[in-house]
Amino acid sequence: MEKIELNDFYNDGFGWICKPCEREFKQSDDSSENKISRLMSEGEAESKQPSFSNLALAKWADEAHRTLTCPHCGITELVDKF
């Protein structure tokens, strides 16, 4: 599958990822010593509040799926380029 890129987001087949937030989260992950398995933090984990492995996942800002937004940093981008 081909990687689709915009200015602030990219999609490699899993979902749209916010580039600035991904860089920020990778830097904080690299400095973190307390790494746990994804099995224990996603899906049917023991915790009542699972956390996803990619916090930079964007969502659609409109029903027409023409604008992406990042819930973390708030940037938006029009996806009318395709």
N, C-alpha and C. Protein backbone atom coordinates (compact mmCIF):
# COMPACT_ATOMS: atom_id res chain seq x y z
N MET A 1 0.84 -1.19 0.00
CA MET A 1 0.00 0.00 0.00
C MET A 1 0.88 1.25 0.00
N GLU A 2 0.51 2.20 -0.80
CA GLU A 2 1.26 3.43 -0.93
C GLU A 2 0.91 4.40 0.20
N LYS A 3 1.91 5.07 0.71
CA LYS A 3 1.73 6.05 1.78
C LYS A 3 1.22 7.36 1.18
N ILE A 4 0.09 7.86 1.66
CA ILE A 4 -0.49 9.11 1.19
C ILE A 4 -0.11 10.22 2.17
N GLU A 5 0.45 11.32 1.65
CA GLU A 5 0.90 12.40 2.53
C GLU A 5 0.26 13.73 2.18
N LEU A 6 -0.05 14.50 3.22
CA LEU A 6 -0.49 15.87 3.11
C LEU A 6 0.58 16.73 3.79
N ASN A 7 0.31 17.99 4.01
CA ASN A 7 1.30 18.85 4.68
C ASN A 7 1.52 18.43 6.13
N ASP A 8 0.43 18.22 6.88
CA ASP A 8 0.55 17.94 8.30
C ASP A 8 0.11 16.53 8.70
N PHE A 9 -0.41 15.75 7.77
CA PHE A 9 -0.90 14.40 8.06
C PHE A 9 -0.40 13.42 7.01
N TYR A 10 -0.34 12.14 7.37
CA TYR A 10 -0.08 11.09 6.39
C TYR A 10 -0.91 9.87 6.74
N ASN A 11 -1.13 9.04 5.73
CA ASN A 11 -1.91 7.82 5.91
C ASN A 11 -1.14 6.67 5.29
N ASP A 12 -0.75 5.71 6.12
CA ASP A 12 -0.02 4.55 5.60
C ASP A 12 -0.89 3.29 5.58
N GLY A 13 -2.21 3.48 5.62
CA GLY A 13 -3.13 2.35 5.55
C GLY A 13 -3.85 2.07 6.84
N PHE A 14 -3.36 2.57 7.95
CA PHE A 14 -3.99 2.33 9.25
C PHE A 14 -4.93 3.45 9.64
N GLY A 15 -4.58 4.67 9.27
CA GLY A 15 -5.36 5.86 9.62
C GLY A 15 -4.51 7.08 9.39
N TRP A 16 -5.11 8.25 9.54
CA TRP A 16 -4.38 9.50 9.34
C TRP A 16 -3.63 9.86 10.60
N ILE A 17 -2.34 10.16 10.44
CA ILE A 17 -1.44 10.46 11.56
C ILE A 17 -0.99 11.91 11.46
N CYS A 18 -1.02 12.62 12.59
CA CYS A 18 -0.53 14.00 12.67
C CYS A 18 0.99 13.96 12.77
N LYS A 19 1.68 14.53 11.78
CA LYS A 19 3.14 14.48 11.74
C LYS A 19 3.80 15.18 12.94
N PRO A 20 3.40 16.44 13.28
CA PRO A 20 4.05 17.10 14.42
C PRO A 20 3.85 16.35 15.74
N CYS A 21 2.65 15.85 15.99
CA CYS A 21 2.39 15.13 17.24
C CYS A 21 3.12 13.80 17.27
N GLU A 22 3.23 13.13 16.13
CA GLU A 22 3.96 11.87 16.10
C GLU A 22 5.42 12.09 16.50
N ARG A 23 6.03 13.16 15.98
CA ARG A 23 7.40 13.49 16.36
C ARG A 23 7.51 13.76 17.86
N GLU A 24 6.56 14.52 18.37
CA GLU A 24 6.56 14.86 19.80
C GLU A 24 6.42 13.60 20.66
N PHE A 25 5.49 12.73 20.32
CA PHE A 25 5.27 11.51 21.10
C PHE A 25 6.45 10.55 20.99
N LYS A 26 7.07 10.49 19.81
CA LYS A 26 8.25 9.62 19.66
C LYS A 26 9.39 10.07 20.54
N GLN A 27 9.59 11.38 20.65
CA GLN A 27 10.65 11.91 21.51
C GLN A 27 10.38 11.57 22.96
N SER A 28 9.13 11.69 23.41
CA SER A 28 8.82 11.37 24.80
C SER A 28 8.88 9.86 25.04
N ASP A 29 8.53 9.04 24.04
CA ASP A 29 8.62 7.58 24.17
C ASP A 29 10.07 7.13 24.28
N ASP A 30 10.95 7.76 23.52
CA ASP A 30 12.36 7.38 23.54
C ASP A 30 12.99 7.66 24.90
N SER A 31 12.50 8.68 25.58
CA SER A 31 13.06 9.01 26.89
C SER A 31 12.40 8.22 28.01
N SER A 32 11.27 7.58 27.73
CA SER A 32 10.54 6.83 28.75
C SER A 32 11.18 5.46 28.98
N GLU A 33 11.33 5.10 30.25
CA GLU A 33 11.91 3.79 30.58
C GLU A 33 10.83 2.75 30.85
N ASN A 34 9.62 3.20 31.15
CA ASN A 34 8.54 2.30 31.54
C ASN A 34 7.72 1.88 30.32
N LYS A 35 8.23 0.94 29.55
CA LYS A 35 7.53 0.48 28.35
C LYS A 35 6.79 -0.82 28.67
N ILE A 36 5.51 -0.86 28.30
CA ILE A 36 4.73 -2.08 28.50
C ILE A 36 4.23 -2.57 27.16
N SER A 37 3.84 -3.79 27.12
CA SER A 37 3.35 -4.40 25.90
C SER A 37 2.06 -3.73 25.43
N ARG A 38 1.88 -3.64 24.10
CA ARG A 38 0.63 -3.11 23.56
C ARG A 38 -0.54 -3.96 24.01
N LEU A 39 -0.32 -5.24 24.22
CA LEU A 39 -1.37 -6.15 24.67
C LEU A 39 -1.99 -5.66 25.98
N MET A 40 -1.17 -5.05 26.84
CA MET A 40 -1.65 -4.60 28.13
C MET A 40 -2.22 -3.17 28.10
N SER A 41 -2.09 -2.49 26.97
CA SER A 41 -2.57 -1.11 26.93
C SER A 41 -3.63 -0.84 25.86
N GLU A 42 -3.95 -1.81 25.03
CA GLU A 42 -4.95 -1.61 23.98
C GLU A 42 -6.00 -2.71 24.02
N GLY A 43 -7.11 -2.43 23.36
CA GLY A 43 -8.15 -3.45 23.17
C GLY A 43 -8.74 -3.96 24.46
N GLU A 44 -8.69 -5.25 24.66
CA GLU A 44 -9.30 -5.85 25.83
C GLU A 44 -8.29 -5.98 26.97
N ALA A 45 -7.62 -4.91 27.25
CA ALA A 45 -6.62 -4.89 28.32
C ALA A 45 -7.32 -4.92 29.68
N GLU A 46 -6.57 -5.19 30.70
CA GLU A 46 -7.11 -5.23 32.06
C GLU A 46 -7.62 -3.87 32.50
N SER A 47 -7.01 -2.82 32.03
CA SER A 47 -7.36 -1.47 32.44
C SER A 47 -8.73 -1.07 31.90
N LYS A 48 -9.44 -0.27 32.66
CA LYS A 48 -10.74 0.26 32.21
C LYS A 48 -10.54 1.43 31.25
N GLN A 49 -9.34 2.00 31.21
CA GLN A 49 -9.05 3.12 30.33
C GLN A 49 -7.83 2.79 29.47
N PRO A 50 -8.02 1.98 28.42
CA PRO A 50 -6.88 1.61 27.57
C PRO A 50 -6.33 2.82 26.83
N SER A 51 -5.04 2.80 26.56
CA SER A 51 -4.44 3.88 25.77
C SER A 51 -3.90 3.28 24.48
N PHE A 52 -4.06 4.02 23.39
CA PHE A 52 -3.63 3.52 22.09
C PHE A 52 -2.14 3.74 21.89
N SER A 53 -1.53 2.89 21.10
CA SER A 53 -0.09 2.99 20.86
C SER A 53 0.27 4.22 20.04
N ASN A 54 -0.66 4.75 19.24
CA ASN A 54 -0.38 5.95 18.46
C ASN A 54 -1.36 7.05 18.88
N LEU A 55 -0.88 7.94 19.71
CA LEU A 55 -1.72 9.04 20.21
C LEU A 55 -1.88 10.15 19.19
N ALA A 56 -1.17 10.08 18.07
CA ALA A 56 -1.22 11.13 17.06
C ALA A 56 -2.26 10.84 15.98
N LEU A 57 -3.15 9.91 16.22
CA LEU A 57 -4.18 9.55 15.25
C LEU A 57 -5.17 10.69 15.09
N ALA A 58 -5.38 11.13 13.85
CA ALA A 58 -6.29 12.23 13.56
C ALA A 58 -7.71 11.72 13.39
N LYS A 59 -8.65 12.66 13.34
CA LYS A 59 -10.05 12.28 13.10
C LYS A 59 -10.65 13.27 12.12
N TRP A 60 -11.79 12.90 11.57
CA TRP A 60 -12.47 13.77 10.61
C TRP A 60 -13.16 14.90 11.36
N ALA A 61 -13.05 16.11 10.83
CA ALA A 61 -13.66 17.28 11.46
C ALA A 61 -15.06 17.55 10.92
N ASP A 62 -15.43 16.88 9.83
CA ASP A 62 -16.74 17.11 9.22
C ASP A 62 -17.33 15.80 8.73
N GLU A 63 -18.63 15.81 8.50
CA GLU A 63 -19.32 14.59 8.06
C GLU A 63 -18.96 14.19 6.64
N ALA A 64 -18.55 15.14 5.82
CA ALA A 64 -18.20 14.87 4.43
C ALA A 64 -16.81 14.25 4.29
N HIS A 65 -16.06 14.14 5.39
CA HIS A 65 -14.70 13.58 5.39
C HIS A 65 -13.78 14.34 4.42
N ARG A 66 -13.83 15.66 4.54
CA ARG A 66 -12.98 16.50 3.70
C ARG A 66 -11.93 17.23 4.51
N THR A 67 -12.08 17.26 5.84
CA THR A 67 -11.15 18.00 6.70
C THR A 67 -10.71 17.12 7.85
N LEU A 68 -9.39 17.01 8.02
CA LEU A 68 -8.82 16.25 9.14
C LEU A 68 -8.46 17.20 10.26
N THR A 69 -8.55 16.70 11.50
CA THR A 69 -8.13 17.47 12.66
C THR A 69 -7.41 16.55 13.64
N CYS A 70 -6.46 17.12 14.35
CA CYS A 70 -5.73 16.37 15.36
C CYS A 70 -6.33 16.71 16.72
N PRO A 71 -6.84 15.72 17.45
CA PRO A 71 -7.44 16.00 18.76
C PRO A 71 -6.42 16.51 19.78
N HIS A 72 -5.15 16.21 19.56
CA HIS A 72 -4.13 16.60 20.53
C HIS A 72 -3.70 18.06 20.35
N CYS A 73 -3.28 18.44 19.14
CA CYS A 73 -2.75 19.80 18.93
C CYS A 73 -3.75 20.73 18.26
N GLY A 74 -4.80 20.19 17.64
CA GLY A 74 -5.85 21.01 17.07
C GLY A 74 -5.64 21.49 15.64
N ILE A 75 -4.53 21.10 14.98
CA ILE A 75 -4.35 21.55 13.60
C ILE A 75 -5.35 20.85 12.69
N THR A 76 -5.74 21.52 11.63
CA THR A 76 -6.68 20.96 10.66
C THR A 76 -6.10 21.12 9.26
N GLU A 77 -6.57 20.27 8.37
CA GLU A 77 -6.12 20.36 6.97
C GLU A 77 -7.20 19.81 6.06
N LEU A 78 -7.42 20.50 4.96
CA LEU A 78 -8.37 20.09 3.95
C LEU A 78 -7.78 18.94 3.15
N VAL A 79 -8.57 17.90 2.89
CA VAL A 79 -8.07 16.70 2.20
C VAL A 79 -8.64 16.65 0.79
N ASP A 80 -8.95 17.77 0.20
CA ASP A 80 -9.53 17.81 -1.14
C ASP A 80 -8.50 17.62 -2.24
N LYS A 81 -7.30 17.23 -1.91
CA LYS A 81 -6.21 17.13 -2.89
C LYS A 81 -6.28 15.85 -3.72
N PHE A 82 -7.17 14.92 -3.38
CA PHE A 82 -7.19 13.63 -4.07
C PHE A 82 -8.30 13.57 -5.06
